[in-house]
């Protein structure tokens, strides 16, 4: 009996509301290759060399302020190449309405982060998802220049 009700509901949904489907493809930049990162040995390269190898980052963040007040920084590169199907169902009945959406695209952005000390020497790098690489982020310090 429940299967019959579900089938009837599925058949009536298009008549009572709106069902739309979509296919999306999102492509943002190219992934950082392992060969590129292999060139960047922590402690052995500086910011200039990293930028020569990887190009411009997507974001620059303040990282760990030293005892003398100087701050290091973290550079972030991101990329994405995903495709997926989506379905939206909306139903209106009298004064009540509702909708349900399904999207098969990934929700966490892959990336690479390089951390630099206050002298702009590479401390370390990691790849993964940004949620794992930057679990806690701080707001930048206010500009104190003149």
C-alpha atoms as a PDB file:
ATOM      1  CA  UNK A   1       0.000   0.000   0.000  1.00  0.00           C
ATOM      2  CA  UNK A   2       2.824   2.452   0.818  1.00  0.00           C
ATOM      3  CA  UNK A   3       4.466   1.795  -2.555  1.00  0.00           C
ATOM      4  CA  UNK A   4       1.190   2.563  -4.307  1.00  0.00           C
ATOM      5  CA  UNK A   5       0.834   5.862  -2.431  1.00  0.00           C
ATOM      6  CA  UNK A   6       4.419   6.820  -3.237  1.00  0.00           C
ATOM      7  CA  UNK A   7       3.866   6.049  -6.919  1.00  0.00           C
ATOM      8  CA  UNK A   8       0.640   8.080  -6.968  1.00  0.00           C
ATOM      9  CA  UNK A   9       2.363  11.004  -5.220  1.00  0.00           C
ATOM     10  CA  UNK A  10       5.257  10.859  -7.685  1.00  0.00           C
ATOM     11  CA  UNK A  11       2.788  10.868 -10.592  1.00  0.00           C
ATOM     12  CA  UNK A  12       0.829  13.821  -9.186  1.00  0.00           C
ATOM     13  CA  UNK A  13       3.770  16.019  -8.212  1.00  0.00           C
ATOM     14  CA  UNK A  14       4.384  17.364 -11.714  1.00  0.00           C
ATOM     15  CA  UNK A  15       0.700  18.248 -12.042  1.00  0.00           C
ATOM     16  CA  UNK A  16       0.523  19.992  -8.648  1.00  0.00           C
ATOM     17  CA  UNK A  17       3.778  21.914  -8.813  1.00  0.00           C
ATOM     18  CA  UNK A  18       6.970  22.261 -10.728  1.00  0.00           C
ATOM     19  CA  UNK A  19       9.759  19.763 -11.307  1.00  0.00           C
ATOM     20  CA  UNK A  20      12.947  21.002 -12.935  1.00  0.00           C
ATOM     21  CA  UNK A  21      16.190  19.252 -13.641  1.00  0.00           C
ATOM     22  CA  UNK A  22      19.585  20.688 -14.358  1.00  0.00           C
ATOM     23  CA  UNK A  23      23.063  19.627 -15.316  1.00  0.00           C
ATOM     24  CA  UNK A  24      25.910  21.854 -14.154  1.00  0.00           C
ATOM     25  CA  UNK A  25      29.627  21.830 -14.848  1.00  0.00           C
ATOM     26  CA  UNK A  26      31.955  24.064 -12.846  1.00  0.00           C
ATOM     27  CA  UNK A  27      35.628  24.399 -13.655  1.00  0.00           C
ATOM     28  CA  UNK A  28      37.944  26.712 -11.685  1.00  0.00           C
ATOM     29  CA  UNK A  29      41.662  26.703 -12.481  1.00  0.00           C
ATOM     30  CA  UNK A  30      43.933  23.682 -12.706  1.00  0.00           C
ATOM     31  CA  UNK A  31      45.001  21.528  -9.755  1.00  0.00           C
ATOM     32  CA  UNK A  32      48.471  22.059  -8.329  1.00  0.00           C
ATOM     33  CA  UNK A  33      50.526  19.092  -9.576  1.00  0.00           C
ATOM     34  CA  UNK A  34      52.668  16.923  -7.297  1.00  0.00           C
ATOM     35  CA  UNK A  35      55.753  17.724  -9.426  1.00  0.00           C
ATOM     36  CA  UNK A  36      55.280  21.433  -8.722  1.00  0.00           C
ATOM     37  CA  UNK A  37      55.071  20.870  -4.972  1.00  0.00           C
ATOM     38  CA  UNK A  38      58.088  18.538  -5.036  1.00  0.00           C
ATOM     39  CA  UNK A  39      60.201  21.544  -6.102  1.00  0.00           C
ATOM     40  CA  UNK A  40      59.164  23.468  -2.985  1.00  0.00           C
ATOM     41  CA  UNK A  41      61.187  22.129  -0.076  1.00  0.00           C
ATOM     42  CA  UNK A  42      60.244  23.681   3.289  1.00  0.00           C
ATOM     43  CA  UNK A  43      63.058  25.828   4.632  1.00  0.00           C
ATOM     44  CA  UNK A  44      64.799  25.779   1.276  1.00  0.00           C
ATOM     45  CA  UNK A  45      62.697  28.170  -0.792  1.00  0.00           C
ATOM     46  CA  UNK A  46      61.246  31.624  -0.347  1.00  0.00           C
ATOM     47  CA  UNK A  47      58.034  33.327  -1.417  1.00  0.00           C
ATOM     48  CA  UNK A  48      59.479  34.454  -4.765  1.00  0.00           C
ATOM     49  CA  UNK A  49      60.340  30.901  -5.833  1.00  0.00           C
ATOM     50  CA  UNK A  50      56.939  29.572  -4.739  1.00  0.00           C
ATOM     51  CA  UNK A  51      55.150  32.204  -6.810  1.00  0.00           C
ATOM     52  CA  UNK A  52      57.358  31.397  -9.812  1.00  0.00           C
ATOM     53  CA  UNK A  53      56.384  27.721  -9.584  1.00  0.00           C
ATOM     54  CA  UNK A  54      52.690  28.024  -8.681  1.00  0.00           C
ATOM     55  CA  UNK A  55      51.609  31.433  -9.950  1.00  0.00           C
ATOM     56  CA  UNK A  56      49.357  33.834  -8.090  1.00  0.00           C
ATOM     57  CA  UNK A  57      47.312  32.451  -5.182  1.00  0.00           C
ATOM     58  CA  UNK A  58      43.578  32.899  -4.759  1.00  0.00           C
ATOM     59  CA  UNK A  59      43.874  34.204  -1.212  1.00  0.00           C
ATOM     60  CA  UNK A  60      46.509  35.469   1.231  1.00  0.00           C
ATOM     61  CA  UNK A  61      45.934  35.054   4.974  1.00  0.00           C
ATOM     62  CA  UNK A  62      47.836  36.216   8.032  1.00  0.00           C
ATOM     63  CA  UNK A  63      49.524  33.346   9.848  1.00  0.00           C
ATOM     64  CA  UNK A  64      51.049  33.072  13.333  1.00  0.00           C
ATOM     65  CA  UNK A  65      52.363  36.352  14.667  1.00  0.00           C
ATOM     66  CA  UNK A  66      55.950  36.073  15.984  1.00  0.00           C
ATOM     67  CA  UNK A  67      57.021  37.361  19.413  1.00  0.00           C
ATOM     68  CA  UNK A  68      58.488  40.468  17.775  1.00  0.00           C
ATOM     69  CA  UNK A  69      55.109  41.311  16.209  1.00  0.00           C
ATOM     70  CA  UNK A  70      55.974  40.198  12.693  1.00  0.00           C
ATOM     71  CA  UNK A  71      53.424  37.936  11.026  1.00  0.00           C
ATOM     72  CA  UNK A  72      53.867  35.083   8.614  1.00  0.00           C
ATOM     73  CA  UNK A  73      51.325  34.323   5.952  1.00  0.00           C
ATOM     74  CA  UNK A  74      49.479  31.477   4.313  1.00  0.00           C
ATOM     75  CA  UNK A  75      48.832  31.422   0.573  1.00  0.00           C
ATOM     76  CA  UNK A  76      45.805  29.517  -0.718  1.00  0.00           C
ATOM     77  CA  UNK A  77      45.242  28.002  -4.151  1.00  0.00           C
ATOM     78  CA  UNK A  78      41.922  26.360  -5.032  1.00  0.00           C
ATOM     79  CA  UNK A  79      40.571  24.413  -7.966  1.00  0.00           C
ATOM     80  CA  UNK A  80      37.437  22.591  -8.932  1.00  0.00           C
ATOM     81  CA  UNK A  81      36.235  20.538 -11.859  1.00  0.00           C
ATOM     82  CA  UNK A  82      32.881  18.963 -11.053  1.00  0.00           C
ATOM     83  CA  UNK A  83      29.763  18.087 -12.918  1.00  0.00           C
ATOM     84  CA  UNK A  84      26.458  16.949 -11.529  1.00  0.00           C
ATOM     85  CA  UNK A  85      22.751  16.658 -11.906  1.00  0.00           C
ATOM     86  CA  UNK A  86      20.230  18.579  -9.855  1.00  0.00           C
ATOM     87  CA  UNK A  87      16.476  18.223  -9.344  1.00  0.00           C
ATOM     88  CA  UNK A  88      14.129  20.821  -7.832  1.00  0.00           C
ATOM     89  CA  UNK A  89      10.549  19.980  -6.881  1.00  0.00           C
ATOM     90  CA  UNK A  90       8.136  22.618  -5.666  1.00  0.00           C
ATOM     91  CA  UNK A  91       4.505  22.150  -4.742  1.00  0.00           C
ATOM     92  CA  UNK A  92       1.772  24.677  -4.018  1.00  0.00           C
ATOM     93  CA  UNK A  93      -1.527  23.697  -2.403  1.00  0.00           C
ATOM     94  CA  UNK A  94      -3.980  26.384  -1.342  1.00  0.00           C
ATOM     95  CA  UNK A  95      -1.922  28.843   0.734  1.00  0.00           C
ATOM     96  CA  UNK A  96       0.830  26.378   1.607  1.00  0.00           C
ATOM     97  CA  UNK A  97       3.890  25.688  -0.503  1.00  0.00           C
ATOM     98  CA  UNK A  98       7.107  23.734  -0.190  1.00  0.00           C
ATOM     99  CA  UNK A  99      10.137  22.725  -2.170  1.00  0.00           C
ATOM    100  CA  UNK A 100      12.822  20.077  -2.165  1.00  0.00           C
ATOM    101  CA  UNK A 101      16.191  20.268  -3.921  1.00  0.00           C
ATOM    102  CA  UNK A 102      18.840  17.687  -4.676  1.00  0.00           C
ATOM    103  CA  UNK A 103      22.285  18.495  -6.027  1.00  0.00           C
ATOM    104  CA  UNK A 104      24.978  15.887  -6.652  1.00  0.00           C
ATOM    105  CA  UNK A 105      27.944  18.287  -6.842  1.00  0.00           C
ATOM    106  CA  UNK A 106      30.671  18.202  -4.204  1.00  0.00           C
ATOM    107  CA  UNK A 107      30.448  20.737  -1.427  1.00  0.00           C
ATOM    108  CA  UNK A 108      34.066  21.097  -0.263  1.00  0.00           C
ATOM    109  CA  UNK A 109      36.641  22.893  -2.371  1.00  0.00           C
ATOM    110  CA  UNK A 110      39.993  21.162  -3.020  1.00  0.00           C
ATOM    111  CA  UNK A 111      43.092  23.267  -2.609  1.00  0.00           C
ATOM    112  CA  UNK A 112      46.670  23.741  -1.515  1.00  0.00           C
ATOM    113  CA  UNK A 113      48.013  25.970   1.268  1.00  0.00           C
ATOM    114  CA  UNK A 114      51.614  27.132   1.726  1.00  0.00           C
ATOM    115  CA  UNK A 115      52.615  28.580   5.101  1.00  0.00           C
ATOM    116  CA  UNK A 116      55.480  31.108   5.360  1.00  0.00           C
ATOM    117  CA  UNK A 117      57.367  32.438   8.369  1.00  0.00           C
ATOM    118  CA  UNK A 118      57.820  36.204   8.969  1.00  0.00           C
ATOM    119  CA  UNK A 119      60.967  36.132   6.779  1.00  0.00           C
ATOM    120  CA  UNK A 120      58.840  34.698   3.920  1.00  0.00           C
ATOM    121  CA  UNK A 121      60.598  31.315   3.914  1.00  0.00           C
ATOM    122  CA  UNK A 122      58.370  28.316   3.221  1.00  0.00           C
ATOM    123  CA  UNK A 123      57.576  26.428   6.446  1.00  0.00           C
ATOM    124  CA  UNK A 124      55.281  23.741   5.007  1.00  0.00           C
ATOM    125  CA  UNK A 125      52.619  22.979   2.441  1.00  0.00           C
ATOM    126  CA  UNK A 126      49.594  20.684   2.324  1.00  0.00           C
ATOM    127  CA  UNK A 127      46.903  19.723  -0.144  1.00  0.00           C
ATOM    128  CA  UNK A 128      43.363  18.642   0.651  1.00  0.00           C
ATOM    129  CA  UNK A 129      39.997  20.279   1.113  1.00  0.00           C
ATOM    130  CA  UNK A 130      39.913  23.831   2.424  1.00  0.00           C
ATOM    131  CA  UNK A 131      37.750  22.775   5.355  1.00  0.00           C
ATOM    132  CA  UNK A 132      40.557  20.452   6.488  1.00  0.00           C
ATOM    133  CA  UNK A 133      43.446  22.768   5.600  1.00  0.00           C
ATOM    134  CA  UNK A 134      42.041  25.900   7.254  1.00  0.00           C
ATOM    135  CA  UNK A 135      39.812  24.673  10.093  1.00  0.00           C
ATOM    136  CA  UNK A 136      40.170  27.888  12.080  1.00  0.00           C
ATOM    137  CA  UNK A 137      40.745  31.192  10.364  1.00  0.00           C
ATOM    138  CA  UNK A 138      41.493  34.545  11.925  1.00  0.00           C
ATOM    139  CA  UNK A 139      40.605  37.944  10.646  1.00  0.00           C
ATOM    140  CA  UNK A 140      43.630  39.914   9.414  1.00  0.00           C
ATOM    141  CA  UNK A 141      45.267  42.324  11.819  1.00  0.00           C
ATOM    142  CA  UNK A 142      44.421  45.994  11.287  1.00  0.00           C
ATOM    143  CA  UNK A 143      46.857  47.928   9.141  1.00  0.00           C
ATOM    144  CA  UNK A 144      49.208  49.905  11.371  1.00  0.00           C
ATOM    145  CA  UNK A 145      51.278  51.527   8.648  1.00  0.00           C
ATOM    146  CA  UNK A 146      51.623  55.186   7.951  1.00  0.00           C
END
